[in-house]
Amino acid sequence: MEADRMQAIADTLMRVVTPDMSPKQLLKAVKDEHPKASKKDIARAAFYSIIANAEGDHGKTKNLHAFALAERTKDAAE
């Protein structure tokens, strides 16, 4: 995935994520703005966003981490 595209998805993730949001809701919110993004692209952007914003909003970072791990685990099982 291109760096600009990953940054755009990561920015969307940080904007839309809330601490009470489920992974399914987060995926839908991102897909609404980035319909061509795959789950794998979104999970990668979530990991990128976690690293880039580690010292920022801990609630958002925690939720993105849970989402990214859940999606990564699904990919590994497939």
N, C-alpha and C. Protein backbone atom coordinates (compact mmCIF):
# COMPACT_ATOMS: atom_id res chain seq x y z
N MET A 1 0.85 -1.17 0.00
CA MET A 1 0.00 0.00 0.00
C MET A 1 0.90 1.24 0.00
N GLU A 2 0.51 2.23 -0.76
CA GLU A 2 1.26 3.47 -0.85
C GLU A 2 1.18 4.24 0.46
N ALA A 3 2.25 4.97 0.77
CA ALA A 3 2.33 5.70 2.03
C ALA A 3 1.23 6.76 2.16
N ASP A 4 0.92 7.45 1.07
CA ASP A 4 -0.13 8.48 1.11
C ASP A 4 -1.49 7.87 1.43
N ARG A 5 -1.75 6.72 0.84
CA ARG A 5 -3.03 6.05 1.08
C ARG A 5 -3.11 5.56 2.53
N MET A 6 -2.01 5.00 3.04
CA MET A 6 -2.00 4.54 4.43
C MET A 6 -2.21 5.71 5.38
N GLN A 7 -1.58 6.83 5.09
CA GLN A 7 -1.72 8.01 5.94
C GLN A 7 -3.17 8.50 5.93
N ALA A 8 -3.81 8.49 4.76
CA ALA A 8 -5.20 8.93 4.65
C ALA A 8 -6.12 8.03 5.47
N ILE A 9 -5.91 6.73 5.39
CA ILE A 9 -6.74 5.78 6.16
C ILE A 9 -6.46 5.95 7.65
N ALA A 10 -5.19 6.12 8.01
CA ALA A 10 -4.82 6.32 9.43
C ALA A 10 -5.47 7.59 9.97
N ASP A 11 -5.47 8.64 9.19
CA ASP A 11 -6.12 9.89 9.61
C ASP A 11 -7.62 9.68 9.83
N THR A 12 -8.23 8.94 8.93
CA THR A 12 -9.66 8.63 9.08
C THR A 12 -9.90 7.83 10.34
N LEU A 13 -9.06 6.83 10.58
CA LEU A 13 -9.20 6.01 11.79
C LEU A 13 -9.15 6.87 13.05
N MET A 14 -8.19 7.76 13.12
CA MET A 14 -8.06 8.61 14.30
C MET A 14 -9.24 9.57 14.45
N ARG A 15 -9.82 9.96 13.36
CA ARG A 15 -10.95 10.89 13.40
C ARG A 15 -12.24 10.20 13.82
N VAL A 16 -12.46 8.97 13.37
CA VAL A 16 -13.76 8.32 13.60
C VAL A 16 -13.80 7.39 14.81
N VAL A 17 -12.65 6.92 15.28
CA VAL A 17 -12.66 5.94 16.36
C VAL A 17 -13.09 6.57 17.68
N THR A 18 -13.88 5.81 18.43
CA THR A 18 -14.28 6.20 19.78
C THR A 18 -14.01 5.01 20.69
N PRO A 19 -13.80 5.24 21.99
CA PRO A 19 -13.47 4.13 22.89
C PRO A 19 -14.52 3.03 22.95
N ASP A 20 -15.78 3.35 22.70
CA ASP A 20 -16.84 2.33 22.79
C ASP A 20 -17.20 1.71 21.45
N MET A 21 -16.45 2.00 20.41
CA MET A 21 -16.74 1.53 19.06
C MET A 21 -16.26 0.08 18.88
N SER A 22 -17.11 -0.76 18.30
CA SER A 22 -16.71 -2.13 18.02
C SER A 22 -15.85 -2.18 16.75
N PRO A 23 -15.06 -3.22 16.59
CA PRO A 23 -14.27 -3.35 15.36
C PRO A 23 -15.12 -3.30 14.09
N LYS A 24 -16.29 -3.90 14.15
CA LYS A 24 -17.19 -3.91 13.00
C LYS A 24 -17.65 -2.49 12.65
N GLN A 25 -17.99 -1.71 13.66
CA GLN A 25 -18.41 -0.32 13.45
C GLN A 25 -17.26 0.51 12.89
N LEU A 26 -16.07 0.29 13.42
CA LEU A 26 -14.90 1.03 12.95
C LEU A 26 -14.60 0.69 11.50
N LEU A 27 -14.65 -0.56 11.16
CA LEU A 27 -14.41 -0.98 9.79
C LEU A 27 -15.42 -0.35 8.84
N LYS A 28 -16.70 -0.33 9.23
CA LYS A 28 -17.73 0.27 8.39
C LYS A 28 -17.51 1.77 8.21
N ALA A 29 -17.16 2.46 9.29
CA ALA A 29 -16.93 3.90 9.22
C ALA A 29 -15.78 4.23 8.27
N VAL A 30 -14.72 3.43 8.32
CA VAL A 30 -13.58 3.68 7.44
C VAL A 30 -13.93 3.32 6.00
N LYS A 31 -14.64 2.21 5.81
CA LYS A 31 -15.04 1.79 4.46
C LYS A 31 -15.96 2.81 3.80
N ASP A 32 -16.74 3.54 4.60
CA ASP A 32 -17.61 4.59 4.04
C ASP A 32 -16.78 5.66 3.35
N GLU A 33 -15.61 5.98 3.91
CA GLU A 33 -14.75 7.01 3.33
C GLU A 33 -13.69 6.45 2.38
N HIS A 34 -13.36 5.19 2.54
CA HIS A 34 -12.33 4.54 1.70
C HIS A 34 -12.89 3.20 1.21
N PRO A 35 -13.85 3.23 0.29
CA PRO A 35 -14.53 2.01 -0.13
C PRO A 35 -13.61 0.95 -0.78
N LYS A 36 -12.50 1.37 -1.33
CA LYS A 36 -11.60 0.41 -1.98
C LYS A 36 -10.58 -0.20 -1.01
N ALA A 37 -10.55 0.27 0.22
CA ALA A 37 -9.59 -0.24 1.21
C ALA A 37 -10.03 -1.63 1.68
N SER A 38 -9.09 -2.54 1.72
CA SER A 38 -9.37 -3.89 2.23
C SER A 38 -9.25 -3.88 3.75
N LYS A 39 -9.75 -4.95 4.38
CA LYS A 39 -9.60 -5.08 5.82
C LYS A 39 -8.12 -5.08 6.20
N LYS A 40 -7.33 -5.72 5.38
CA LYS A 40 -5.89 -5.79 5.63
C LYS A 40 -5.27 -4.40 5.57
N ASP A 41 -5.67 -3.59 4.58
CA ASP A 41 -5.17 -2.22 4.47
C ASP A 41 -5.55 -1.40 5.71
N ILE A 42 -6.78 -1.57 6.17
CA ILE A 42 -7.26 -0.82 7.32
C ILE A 42 -6.53 -1.26 8.59
N ALA A 43 -6.30 -2.57 8.73
CA ALA A 43 -5.55 -3.06 9.89
C ALA A 43 -4.12 -2.54 9.88
N ARG A 44 -3.49 -2.52 8.72
CA ARG A 44 -2.13 -1.97 8.62
C ARG A 44 -2.11 -0.49 8.98
N ALA A 45 -3.09 0.24 8.49
CA ALA A 45 -3.18 1.66 8.80
C ALA A 45 -3.44 1.87 10.29
N ALA A 46 -4.18 0.95 10.91
CA ALA A 46 -4.42 1.06 12.36
C ALA A 46 -3.11 0.88 13.12
N PHE A 47 -2.29 -0.11 12.74
CA PHE A 47 -0.99 -0.28 13.39
C PHE A 47 -0.12 0.96 13.17
N TYR A 48 -0.13 1.47 11.96
CA TYR A 48 0.64 2.68 11.65
C TYR A 48 0.18 3.84 12.53
N SER A 49 -1.12 4.00 12.66
CA SER A 49 -1.69 5.08 13.45
C SER A 49 -1.33 4.93 14.93
N ILE A 50 -1.33 3.71 15.42
CA ILE A 50 -0.96 3.45 16.82
C ILE A 50 0.47 3.94 17.07
N ILE A 51 1.37 3.59 16.17
CA ILE A 51 2.76 3.98 16.32
C ILE A 51 2.91 5.50 16.21
N ALA A 52 2.26 6.08 15.23
CA ALA A 52 2.38 7.52 14.99
C ALA A 52 1.75 8.36 16.10
N ASN A 53 0.74 7.82 16.77
CA ASN A 53 0.00 8.59 17.78
C ASN A 53 0.11 7.99 19.17
N ALA A 54 1.17 7.25 19.43
CA ALA A 54 1.30 6.52 20.70
C ALA A 54 1.20 7.42 21.92
N GLU A 55 1.67 8.64 21.82
CA GLU A 55 1.65 9.52 22.97
C GLU A 55 0.43 10.43 23.00
N GLY A 56 -0.47 10.25 22.05
CA GLY A 56 -1.65 11.09 21.97
C GLY A 56 -2.81 10.56 22.79
N ASP A 57 -3.94 10.40 22.16
CA ASP A 57 -5.17 9.96 22.80
C ASP A 57 -5.11 8.46 23.10
N HIS A 58 -4.96 8.11 24.37
CA HIS A 58 -4.79 6.71 24.76
C HIS A 58 -6.05 5.88 24.53
N GLY A 59 -7.23 6.48 24.67
CA GLY A 59 -8.48 5.75 24.42
C GLY A 59 -8.58 5.32 22.97
N LYS A 60 -8.28 6.23 22.07
CA LYS A 60 -8.33 5.91 20.64
C LYS A 60 -7.25 4.89 20.28
N THR A 61 -6.05 5.09 20.82
CA THR A 61 -4.96 4.18 20.53
C THR A 61 -5.28 2.77 21.02
N LYS A 62 -5.86 2.65 22.18
CA LYS A 62 -6.22 1.35 22.74
C LYS A 62 -7.25 0.65 21.86
N ASN A 63 -8.25 1.39 21.39
CA ASN A 63 -9.29 0.81 20.55
C ASN A 63 -8.72 0.41 19.19
N LEU A 64 -7.86 1.23 18.62
CA LEU A 64 -7.22 0.88 17.34
C LEU A 64 -6.35 -0.37 17.49
N HIS A 65 -5.67 -0.48 18.62
CA HIS A 65 -4.83 -1.65 18.86
C HIS A 65 -5.68 -2.92 18.91
N ALA A 66 -6.79 -2.87 19.63
CA ALA A 66 -7.68 -4.03 19.71
C ALA A 66 -8.21 -4.40 18.32
N PHE A 67 -8.60 -3.41 17.55
CA PHE A 67 -9.10 -3.65 16.20
C PHE A 67 -8.01 -4.28 15.32
N ALA A 68 -6.83 -3.69 15.33
CA ALA A 68 -5.73 -4.17 14.48
C ALA A 68 -5.35 -5.61 14.84
N LEU A 69 -5.28 -5.91 16.11
CA LEU A 69 -4.95 -7.27 16.53
C LEU A 69 -6.03 -8.26 16.12
N ALA A 70 -7.28 -7.87 16.28
CA ALA A 70 -8.38 -8.76 15.91
C ALA A 70 -8.35 -9.06 14.41
N GLU A 71 -8.13 -8.05 13.59
CA GLU A 71 -8.08 -8.25 12.15
C GLU A 71 -6.86 -9.06 11.74
N ARG A 72 -5.73 -8.84 12.40
CA ARG A 72 -4.50 -9.56 12.08
C ARG A 72 -4.66 -11.04 12.44
N THR A 73 -5.33 -11.32 13.55
CA THR A 73 -5.57 -12.69 13.96
C THR A 73 -6.48 -13.40 12.98
N LYS A 74 -7.49 -12.72 12.48
CA LYS A 74 -8.39 -13.30 11.47
C LYS A 74 -7.62 -13.66 10.21
N ASP A 75 -6.74 -12.74 9.77
CA ASP A 75 -5.94 -12.99 8.56
C ASP A 75 -5.03 -14.19 8.73
N ALA A 76 -4.43 -14.35 9.91
CA ALA A 76 -3.53 -15.46 10.16
C ALA A 76 -4.27 -16.80 10.17
N ALA A 77 -5.53 -16.77 10.61
CA ALA A 77 -6.31 -18.00 10.68
C ALA A 77 -6.81 -18.45 9.31
N GLU A 78 -6.88 -17.53 8.36
CA GLU A 78 -7.42 -17.85 7.03
C GLU A 78 -6.42 -18.49 6.15
